[in-house]
Amino acid sequence: MTQWYVVYTQPSKELLAQQNLKDQGFDVYLPRFKKMRRHARRVEEVLAPLFPRYLFVSLALEVQGWRRINGTRGVVHLLTQNDRPSVVPASIIETFKSQESKEGIVTLNSLTNFVKGDKVRILEGAFEGSLGVIETLDDKRRVQLLLDFLGREVKVLLPEYSVEAE
């Protein structure tokens, strides 16, 4: 029976590790999302790993030699616990796959608790207790809020964990 396991990759080598594991016959899953990148005064949309330096591999431990994964180009090691690979519940992989677009890209909106226009309360910081409206969400799990502060609308950028739904 096959199960999903976590592979830890070298920095920025997720695609190399994915291809080399596929070449060895492993079923590999690398969830990715679209991200805005600034480079050389240009802003472009690129695909980035949802979990930098991690990907998932499906294998049958009793049939397939799992130790050879550690020797694969781009791979640092398979995550283990007590010298056995750590299992990832199939439901987690299924959840990510179900949230992919037709192009195989996980949409960030499916992973966040908030959408534009939601009313939220700030939980910490200088604006603690204030109410705001979600304006935007970014790929670093930050929310931009519109606050009514001293009779004016003010934009504030906060980590997603510092707000709760109103």
N, C-alpha and C. Protein backbone atom coordinates (compact mmCIF):
# COMPACT_ATOMS: atom_id res chain seq x y z
N MET A 1 0.84 -1.18 0.00
CA MET A 1 0.00 0.00 0.00
C MET A 1 0.89 1.24 0.00
N THR A 2 0.56 2.18 -0.88
CA THR A 2 1.34 3.40 -0.94
C THR A 2 0.81 4.43 0.04
N GLN A 3 1.75 5.24 0.56
CA GLN A 3 1.41 6.35 1.45
C GLN A 3 2.26 7.55 1.05
N TRP A 4 1.87 8.71 1.52
CA TRP A 4 2.59 9.95 1.21
C TRP A 4 3.60 10.25 2.30
N TYR A 5 4.77 10.74 1.87
CA TYR A 5 5.85 11.11 2.78
C TYR A 5 6.41 12.47 2.37
N VAL A 6 7.14 13.12 3.28
CA VAL A 6 7.67 14.45 3.03
C VAL A 6 9.16 14.37 2.70
N VAL A 7 9.54 15.06 1.62
CA VAL A 7 10.93 15.14 1.21
C VAL A 7 11.41 16.57 1.45
N TYR A 8 12.56 16.71 2.11
CA TYR A 8 13.19 18.01 2.35
C TYR A 8 14.24 18.21 1.26
N THR A 9 14.13 19.32 0.53
CA THR A 9 15.01 19.55 -0.62
C THR A 9 16.08 20.59 -0.33
N GLN A 10 17.03 20.67 -1.23
CA GLN A 10 18.03 21.73 -1.17
C GLN A 10 17.34 23.06 -1.49
N PRO A 11 17.93 24.18 -1.05
CA PRO A 11 17.28 25.48 -1.30
C PRO A 11 17.02 25.72 -2.78
N SER A 12 15.79 26.07 -3.11
CA SER A 12 15.36 26.37 -4.48
C SER A 12 15.55 25.22 -5.46
N LYS A 13 15.59 23.99 -4.98
CA LYS A 13 15.80 22.83 -5.85
C LYS A 13 14.59 21.89 -5.87
N GLU A 14 13.42 22.44 -5.55
CA GLU A 14 12.22 21.59 -5.51
C GLU A 14 11.94 20.97 -6.87
N LEU A 15 12.05 21.75 -7.94
CA LEU A 15 11.76 21.23 -9.28
C LEU A 15 12.78 20.19 -9.71
N LEU A 16 14.04 20.41 -9.38
CA LEU A 16 15.09 19.43 -9.70
C LEU A 16 14.83 18.12 -8.96
N ALA A 17 14.53 18.21 -7.68
CA ALA A 17 14.23 17.02 -6.89
C ALA A 17 12.99 16.31 -7.43
N GLN A 18 11.97 17.08 -7.77
CA GLN A 18 10.73 16.50 -8.31
C GLN A 18 11.03 15.70 -9.59
N GLN A 19 11.76 16.31 -10.50
CA GLN A 19 12.05 15.63 -11.77
C GLN A 19 12.91 14.39 -11.55
N ASN A 20 13.92 14.47 -10.71
CA ASN A 20 14.78 13.32 -10.46
C ASN A 20 14.05 12.18 -9.76
N LEU A 21 13.13 12.51 -8.87
CA LEU A 21 12.33 11.46 -8.23
C LEU A 21 11.36 10.83 -9.22
N LYS A 22 10.77 11.64 -10.10
CA LYS A 22 9.89 11.09 -11.14
C LYS A 22 10.67 10.17 -12.07
N ASP A 23 11.89 10.57 -12.41
CA ASP A 23 12.74 9.74 -13.28
C ASP A 23 13.02 8.38 -12.66
N GLN A 24 12.98 8.30 -11.33
CA GLN A 24 13.19 7.03 -10.63
C GLN A 24 11.90 6.24 -10.45
N GLY A 25 10.78 6.80 -10.94
CA GLY A 25 9.52 6.08 -10.88
C GLY A 25 8.64 6.41 -9.69
N PHE A 26 9.00 7.42 -8.93
CA PHE A 26 8.19 7.80 -7.77
C PHE A 26 7.06 8.74 -8.20
N ASP A 27 5.93 8.64 -7.49
CA ASP A 27 4.82 9.57 -7.67
C ASP A 27 5.10 10.76 -6.76
N VAL A 28 5.25 11.95 -7.35
CA VAL A 28 5.67 13.13 -6.60
C VAL A 28 4.61 14.22 -6.72
N TYR A 29 4.41 14.95 -5.62
CA TYR A 29 3.48 16.07 -5.62
C TYR A 29 4.17 17.30 -5.05
N LEU A 30 4.21 18.36 -5.85
CA LEU A 30 4.79 19.64 -5.45
C LEU A 30 3.72 20.71 -5.59
N PRO A 31 3.01 21.04 -4.51
CA PRO A 31 1.98 22.09 -4.62
C PRO A 31 2.64 23.44 -4.84
N ARG A 32 2.12 24.20 -5.83
CA ARG A 32 2.68 25.52 -6.15
C ARG A 32 1.56 26.54 -6.27
N PHE A 33 1.93 27.80 -6.14
CA PHE A 33 0.96 28.90 -6.26
C PHE A 33 1.59 30.02 -7.05
N LYS A 34 0.75 30.95 -7.53
CA LYS A 34 1.25 32.11 -8.27
C LYS A 34 1.61 33.20 -7.28
N LYS A 35 2.79 33.78 -7.50
CA LYS A 35 3.33 34.79 -6.60
C LYS A 35 3.86 35.95 -7.43
N MET A 36 3.72 37.15 -6.90
CA MET A 36 4.28 38.33 -7.56
C MET A 36 5.73 38.49 -7.12
N ARG A 37 6.62 38.66 -8.11
CA ARG A 37 8.05 38.83 -7.81
C ARG A 37 8.55 40.11 -8.44
N ARG A 38 9.31 40.87 -7.67
CA ARG A 38 9.94 42.08 -8.19
C ARG A 38 11.39 41.77 -8.47
N HIS A 39 11.82 42.11 -9.68
CA HIS A 39 13.21 41.88 -10.06
C HIS A 39 13.57 42.86 -11.17
N ALA A 40 14.68 43.55 -11.00
CA ALA A 40 15.18 44.47 -12.02
C ALA A 40 14.09 45.46 -12.47
N ARG A 41 13.43 46.07 -11.49
CA ARG A 41 12.39 47.08 -11.73
C ARG A 41 11.17 46.54 -12.47
N ARG A 42 11.03 45.26 -12.49
CA ARG A 42 9.86 44.65 -13.13
C ARG A 42 9.12 43.81 -12.10
N VAL A 43 7.83 43.77 -12.26
CA VAL A 43 7.01 42.90 -11.42
C VAL A 43 6.45 41.83 -12.33
N GLU A 44 6.64 40.58 -11.93
CA GLU A 44 6.14 39.48 -12.75
C GLU A 44 5.51 38.42 -11.86
N GLU A 45 4.64 37.67 -12.46
CA GLU A 45 3.97 36.59 -11.75
C GLU A 45 4.75 35.29 -12.03
N VAL A 46 5.15 34.61 -10.97
CA VAL A 46 5.91 33.37 -11.10
C VAL A 46 5.25 32.28 -10.27
N LEU A 47 5.56 31.04 -10.60
CA LEU A 47 5.09 29.92 -9.80
C LEU A 47 6.11 29.65 -8.70
N ALA A 48 5.62 29.49 -7.47
CA ALA A 48 6.50 29.24 -6.33
C ALA A 48 5.95 28.06 -5.54
N PRO A 49 6.83 27.30 -4.89
CA PRO A 49 6.35 26.19 -4.05
C PRO A 49 5.51 26.71 -2.89
N LEU A 50 4.44 26.04 -2.61
CA LEU A 50 3.59 26.41 -1.48
C LEU A 50 4.37 26.21 -0.17
N PHE A 51 5.21 25.19 -0.13
CA PHE A 51 6.06 24.90 1.02
C PHE A 51 7.51 24.89 0.54
N PRO A 52 8.19 26.04 0.59
CA PRO A 52 9.57 26.07 0.10
C PRO A 52 10.43 24.99 0.78
N ARG A 53 11.20 24.29 -0.06
CA ARG A 53 12.12 23.22 0.33
C ARG A 53 11.42 21.90 0.70
N TYR A 54 10.12 21.78 0.45
CA TYR A 54 9.42 20.53 0.74
C TYR A 54 8.59 20.09 -0.46
N LEU A 55 8.51 18.77 -0.64
CA LEU A 55 7.58 18.18 -1.59
C LEU A 55 7.15 16.84 -1.04
N PHE A 56 6.19 16.22 -1.68
CA PHE A 56 5.62 14.98 -1.18
C PHE A 56 5.87 13.86 -2.17
N VAL A 57 6.15 12.66 -1.65
CA VAL A 57 6.38 11.51 -2.50
C VAL A 57 5.51 10.36 -1.99
N SER A 58 4.91 9.64 -2.94
CA SER A 58 4.07 8.49 -2.60
C SER A 58 4.86 7.23 -2.91
N LEU A 59 4.92 6.33 -1.94
CA LEU A 59 5.62 5.07 -2.18
C LEU A 59 5.13 4.00 -1.22
N ALA A 60 5.42 2.77 -1.60
CA ALA A 60 5.12 1.62 -0.76
C ALA A 60 6.42 1.21 -0.08
N LEU A 61 6.54 1.45 1.21
CA LEU A 61 7.79 1.20 1.93
C LEU A 61 8.28 -0.23 1.80
N GLU A 62 7.38 -1.17 1.81
CA GLU A 62 7.78 -2.58 1.78
C GLU A 62 8.28 -3.01 0.40
N VAL A 63 7.88 -2.29 -0.65
CA VAL A 63 8.23 -2.67 -2.02
C VAL A 63 9.35 -1.81 -2.58
N GLN A 64 9.24 -0.51 -2.41
CA GLN A 64 10.21 0.43 -2.98
C GLN A 64 11.30 0.77 -1.97
N GLY A 65 12.53 0.85 -2.45
CA GLY A 65 13.63 1.25 -1.59
C GLY A 65 13.58 2.74 -1.32
N TRP A 66 13.18 3.11 -0.11
CA TRP A 66 12.99 4.52 0.19
C TRP A 66 14.30 5.24 0.52
N ARG A 67 15.33 4.52 0.92
CA ARG A 67 16.60 5.17 1.29
C ARG A 67 17.28 5.81 0.08
N ARG A 68 16.98 5.32 -1.11
CA ARG A 68 17.61 5.91 -2.30
C ARG A 68 17.09 7.33 -2.57
N ILE A 69 15.96 7.68 -1.97
CA ILE A 69 15.45 9.04 -2.11
C ILE A 69 16.47 10.03 -1.54
N ASN A 70 17.12 9.66 -0.43
CA ASN A 70 18.10 10.55 0.20
C ASN A 70 19.31 10.82 -0.69
N GLY A 71 19.58 9.96 -1.66
CA GLY A 71 20.71 10.15 -2.56
C GLY A 71 20.34 10.82 -3.87
N THR A 72 19.12 11.26 -3.99
CA THR A 72 18.63 11.87 -5.23
C THR A 72 19.11 13.32 -5.33
N ARG A 73 19.53 13.73 -6.52
CA ARG A 73 19.96 15.12 -6.73
C ARG A 73 18.80 16.07 -6.40
N GLY A 74 19.12 17.10 -5.60
CA GLY A 74 18.12 18.08 -5.20
C GLY A 74 17.48 17.78 -3.85
N VAL A 75 17.65 16.55 -3.37
CA VAL A 75 17.04 16.12 -2.10
C VAL A 75 18.08 16.18 -0.98
N VAL A 76 17.67 16.69 0.18
CA VAL A 76 18.52 16.63 1.36
C VAL A 76 18.25 15.29 2.06
N HIS A 77 16.96 15.06 2.40
CA HIS A 77 16.59 13.78 3.01
C HIS A 77 15.07 13.66 3.09
N LEU A 78 14.64 12.44 3.27
CA LEU A 78 13.24 12.13 3.53
C LEU A 78 13.04 12.35 5.03
N LEU A 79 11.98 13.06 5.42
CA LEU A 79 11.73 13.27 6.84
C LEU A 79 11.39 11.94 7.50
N THR A 80 12.06 11.67 8.61
CA THR A 80 11.86 10.40 9.31
C THR A 80 11.58 10.64 10.78
N GLN A 81 11.03 9.60 11.40
CA GLN A 81 10.81 9.59 12.84
C GLN A 81 11.13 8.18 13.30
N ASN A 82 12.06 8.05 14.24
CA ASN A 82 12.52 6.74 14.70
C ASN A 82 13.01 5.87 13.54
N ASP A 83 13.77 6.48 12.65
CA ASP A 83 14.38 5.82 11.49
C ASP A 83 13.37 5.23 10.50
N ARG A 84 12.16 5.75 10.53
CA ARG A 84 11.12 5.37 9.55
C ARG A 84 10.58 6.66 8.94
N PRO A 85 10.30 6.67 7.66
CA PRO A 85 9.72 7.88 7.04
C PRO A 85 8.41 8.29 7.71
N SER A 86 8.24 9.60 7.89
CA SER A 86 7.04 10.15 8.52
C SER A 86 5.90 10.20 7.50
N VAL A 87 4.79 9.59 7.83
CA VAL A 87 3.63 9.51 6.94
C VAL A 87 2.84 10.82 6.99
N VAL A 88 2.39 11.26 5.81
CA VAL A 88 1.49 12.40 5.70
C VAL A 88 0.12 11.82 5.36
N PRO A 89 -0.92 12.15 6.11
CA PRO A 89 -2.25 11.61 5.80
C PRO A 89 -2.66 11.95 4.36
N ALA A 90 -3.18 10.98 3.65
CA ALA A 90 -3.60 11.18 2.26
C ALA A 90 -4.65 12.29 2.15
N SER A 91 -5.42 12.49 3.21
CA SER A 91 -6.45 13.53 3.17
C SER A 91 -5.85 14.93 3.00
N ILE A 92 -4.66 15.14 3.53
CA ILE A 92 -4.01 16.44 3.38
C ILE A 92 -3.64 16.67 1.92
N ILE A 93 -3.07 15.67 1.28
CA ILE A 93 -2.69 15.78 -0.13
C ILE A 93 -3.94 15.97 -0.97
N GLU A 94 -4.99 15.22 -0.67
CA GLU A 94 -6.25 15.33 -1.42
C GLU A 94 -6.84 16.73 -1.28
N THR A 95 -6.74 17.32 -0.08
CA THR A 95 -7.25 18.66 0.14
C THR A 95 -6.53 19.67 -0.75
N PHE A 96 -5.20 19.59 -0.80
CA PHE A 96 -4.44 20.51 -1.66
C PHE A 96 -4.79 20.30 -3.13
N LYS A 97 -4.86 19.04 -3.54
CA LYS A 97 -5.17 18.75 -4.95
C LYS A 97 -6.58 19.24 -5.31
N SER A 98 -7.51 19.15 -4.39
CA SER A 98 -8.88 19.59 -4.67
C SER A 98 -8.97 21.12 -4.80
N GLN A 99 -7.98 21.83 -4.27
CA GLN A 99 -7.99 23.29 -4.30
C GLN A 99 -7.16 23.84 -5.46
N GLU A 100 -6.71 22.96 -6.35
CA GLU A 100 -5.92 23.40 -7.49
C GLU A 100 -6.82 23.88 -8.63
N SER A 101 -6.27 24.79 -9.42
CA SER A 101 -6.95 25.24 -10.63
C SER A 101 -6.74 24.18 -11.71
N LYS A 102 -7.28 24.41 -12.89
CA LYS A 102 -7.10 23.48 -14.01
C LYS A 102 -5.64 23.34 -14.40
N GLU A 103 -4.84 24.39 -14.14
CA GLU A 103 -3.42 24.37 -14.47
C GLU A 103 -2.59 23.67 -13.41
N GLY A 104 -3.21 23.17 -12.36
CA GLY A 104 -2.48 22.48 -11.30
C GLY A 104 -1.86 23.43 -10.29
N ILE A 105 -2.43 24.61 -10.13
CA ILE A 105 -1.89 25.62 -9.24
C ILE A 105 -2.86 25.82 -8.08
N VAL A 106 -2.33 25.76 -6.85
CA VAL A 106 -3.15 25.97 -5.67
C VAL A 106 -3.47 27.46 -5.58
N THR A 107 -4.74 27.77 -5.44
CA THR A 107 -5.11 29.18 -5.35
C THR A 107 -5.02 29.62 -3.89
N LEU A 108 -4.40 30.76 -3.65
CA LEU A 108 -4.23 31.25 -2.28
C LEU A 108 -5.56 31.53 -1.61
N ASN A 109 -6.55 31.92 -2.39
CA ASN A 109 -7.86 32.20 -1.79
C ASN A 109 -8.44 30.98 -1.10
N SER A 110 -8.10 29.79 -1.60
CA SER A 110 -8.63 28.58 -0.98
C SER A 110 -7.93 28.25 0.33
N LEU A 111 -6.79 28.89 0.59
CA LEU A 111 -6.02 28.58 1.79
C LEU A 111 -6.19 29.61 2.90
N THR A 112 -6.84 30.68 2.62
CA THR A 112 -6.96 31.74 3.61
C THR A 112 -8.35 31.74 4.24
N ASN A 113 -8.41 32.34 5.40
CA ASN A 113 -9.68 32.41 6.12
C ASN A 113 -10.51 33.62 5.71
N PHE A 114 -9.89 34.57 4.98
CA PHE A 114 -10.55 35.83 4.69
C PHE A 114 -10.60 36.10 3.19
N VAL A 115 -11.56 36.92 2.80
CA VAL A 115 -11.65 37.40 1.42
C VAL A 115 -11.86 38.91 1.47
N LYS A 116 -11.62 39.58 0.36
CA LYS A 116 -11.78 41.02 0.29
C LYS A 116 -13.20 41.41 0.70
N GLY A 117 -13.28 42.42 1.54
CA GLY A 117 -14.57 42.90 2.01
C GLY A 117 -14.99 42.35 3.36
N ASP A 118 -14.30 41.32 3.87
CA ASP A 118 -14.64 40.78 5.19
C ASP A 118 -14.35 41.81 6.27
N LYS A 119 -15.23 41.86 7.26
CA LYS A 119 -15.00 42.74 8.41
C LYS A 119 -14.24 41.95 9.47
N VAL A 120 -13.18 42.57 10.00
CA VAL A 120 -12.32 41.90 10.99
C VAL A 120 -12.02 42.82 12.16
N ARG A 121 -11.61 42.20 13.27
CA ARG A 121 -11.17 42.93 14.47
C ARG A 121 -9.68 42.65 14.63
N ILE A 122 -8.92 43.72 14.94
CA ILE A 122 -7.47 43.59 15.15
C ILE A 122 -7.22 43.09 16.56
N LEU A 123 -6.39 42.05 16.70
CA LEU A 123 -6.17 41.39 17.99
C LEU A 123 -4.96 41.91 18.76
N GLU A 124 -4.03 42.59 18.08
CA GLU A 124 -2.81 43.02 18.77
C GLU A 124 -2.23 44.27 18.10
N GLY A 125 -1.31 44.92 18.81
CA GLY A 125 -0.64 46.08 18.25
C GLY A 125 -1.34 47.39 18.59
N ALA A 126 -0.89 48.45 17.92
CA ALA A 126 -1.40 49.79 18.20
C ALA A 126 -2.89 49.94 17.92
N PHE A 127 -3.40 49.15 16.98
CA PHE A 127 -4.82 49.26 16.60
C PHE A 127 -5.67 48.15 17.23
N GLU A 128 -5.17 47.52 18.29
CA GLU A 128 -5.89 46.42 18.94
C GLU A 128 -7.31 46.83 19.28
N GLY A 129 -8.26 45.97 18.91
CA GLY A 129 -9.67 46.22 19.18
C GLY A 129 -10.38 46.98 18.08
N SER A 130 -9.62 47.59 17.17
CA SER A 130 -10.23 48.34 16.07
C SER A 130 -10.85 47.40 15.05
N LEU A 131 -11.86 47.89 14.35
CA LEU A 131 -12.51 47.13 13.30
C LEU A 131 -12.02 47.64 11.95
N GLY A 132 -11.86 46.71 11.00
CA GLY A 132 -11.43 47.08 9.67
C GLY A 132 -12.06 46.19 8.63
N VAL A 133 -11.80 46.51 7.38
CA VAL A 133 -12.31 45.74 6.26
C VAL A 133 -11.12 45.25 5.44
N ILE A 134 -11.11 43.96 5.10
CA ILE A 134 -10.02 43.39 4.30
C ILE A 134 -10.01 44.04 2.93
N GLU A 135 -8.86 44.56 2.54
CA GLU A 135 -8.68 45.17 1.23
C GLU A 135 -7.96 44.19 0.30
N THR A 136 -6.83 43.65 0.74
CA THR A 136 -6.07 42.68 -0.07
C THR A 136 -5.40 41.66 0.84
N LEU A 137 -4.98 40.54 0.24
CA LEU A 137 -4.20 39.49 0.88
C LEU A 137 -2.97 39.28 0.03
N ASP A 138 -1.82 38.99 0.65
CA ASP A 138 -0.63 38.72 -0.16
C ASP A 138 -0.11 37.31 0.09
N ASP A 139 0.96 36.95 -0.64
CA ASP A 139 1.49 35.59 -0.55
C ASP A 139 2.30 35.34 0.71
N LYS A 140 2.48 36.35 1.54
CA LYS A 140 3.21 36.19 2.80
C LYS A 140 2.24 36.13 3.98
N ARG A 141 0.98 35.84 3.68
CA ARG A 141 -0.08 35.70 4.68
C ARG A 141 -0.27 37.00 5.46
N ARG A 142 -0.23 38.12 4.74
CA ARG A 142 -0.50 39.42 5.33
C ARG A 142 -1.79 39.96 4.72
N VAL A 143 -2.50 40.76 5.54
CA VAL A 143 -3.74 41.36 5.07
C VAL A 143 -3.60 42.87 5.12
N GLN A 144 -4.16 43.52 4.11
CA GLN A 144 -4.21 44.98 4.13
C GLN A 144 -5.64 45.35 4.49
N LEU A 145 -5.77 46.17 5.52
CA LEU A 145 -7.07 46.56 6.03
C LEU A 145 -7.33 48.03 5.78
N LEU A 146 -8.59 48.36 5.64
CA LEU A 146 -9.02 49.75 5.65
C LEU A 146 -9.64 50.00 7.02
N LEU A 147 -9.07 50.95 7.75
CA LEU A 147 -9.58 51.29 9.08
C LEU A 147 -10.16 52.69 9.06
N ASP A 148 -11.19 52.90 9.85
CA ASP A 148 -11.72 54.25 10.06
C ASP A 148 -11.03 54.76 11.31
N PHE A 149 -10.01 55.62 11.12
CA PHE A 149 -9.21 56.10 12.24
C PHE A 149 -9.28 57.62 12.29
N LEU A 150 -9.84 58.15 13.37
CA LEU A 150 -10.01 59.59 13.57
C LEU A 150 -10.72 60.24 12.39
N GLY A 151 -11.75 59.56 11.90
CA GLY A 151 -12.58 60.11 10.84
C GLY A 151 -11.99 59.98 9.43
N ARG A 152 -10.86 59.28 9.29
CA ARG A 152 -10.24 59.10 7.98
C ARG A 152 -10.03 57.62 7.72
N GLU A 153 -10.05 57.23 6.44
CA GLU A 153 -9.73 55.86 6.09
C GLU A 153 -8.22 55.70 6.03
N VAL A 154 -7.70 54.70 6.76
CA VAL A 154 -6.27 54.44 6.82
C VAL A 154 -6.04 53.00 6.39
N LYS A 155 -4.99 52.77 5.56
CA LYS A 155 -4.63 51.40 5.17
C LYS A 155 -3.55 50.90 6.11
N VAL A 156 -3.73 49.67 6.62
CA VAL A 156 -2.79 49.06 7.55
C VAL A 156 -2.48 47.66 7.04
N LEU A 157 -1.19 47.27 7.07
CA LEU A 157 -0.76 45.93 6.66
C LEU A 157 -0.40 45.14 7.91
N LEU A 158 -1.05 43.99 8.10
CA LEU A 158 -0.85 43.18 9.29
C LEU A 158 -0.73 41.71 8.92
N PRO A 159 -0.06 40.90 9.77
CA PRO A 159 -0.06 39.45 9.55
C PRO A 159 -1.48 38.91 9.73
N GLU A 160 -1.83 37.90 8.97
CA GLU A 160 -3.18 37.34 9.01
C GLU A 160 -3.57 36.87 10.40
N TYR A 161 -2.60 36.35 11.16
CA TYR A 161 -2.92 35.82 12.49
C TYR A 161 -3.31 36.91 13.49
N SER A 162 -3.06 38.19 13.16
CA SER A 162 -3.36 39.25 14.12
C SER A 162 -4.76 39.84 13.94
N VAL A 163 -5.59 39.20 13.11
CA VAL A 163 -6.98 39.65 12.96
C VAL A 163 -7.91 38.45 13.09
N GLU A 164 -9.15 38.74 13.48
CA GLU A 164 -10.17 37.70 13.54
C GLU A 164 -11.44 38.21 12.90
N ALA A 165 -12.25 37.30 12.42
CA ALA A 165 -13.50 37.67 11.79
C ALA A 165 -14.42 38.35 12.79
N GLU A 166 -15.11 39.38 12.33
CA GLU A 166 -16.01 40.12 13.20
C GLU A 166 -17.39 39.48 13.17
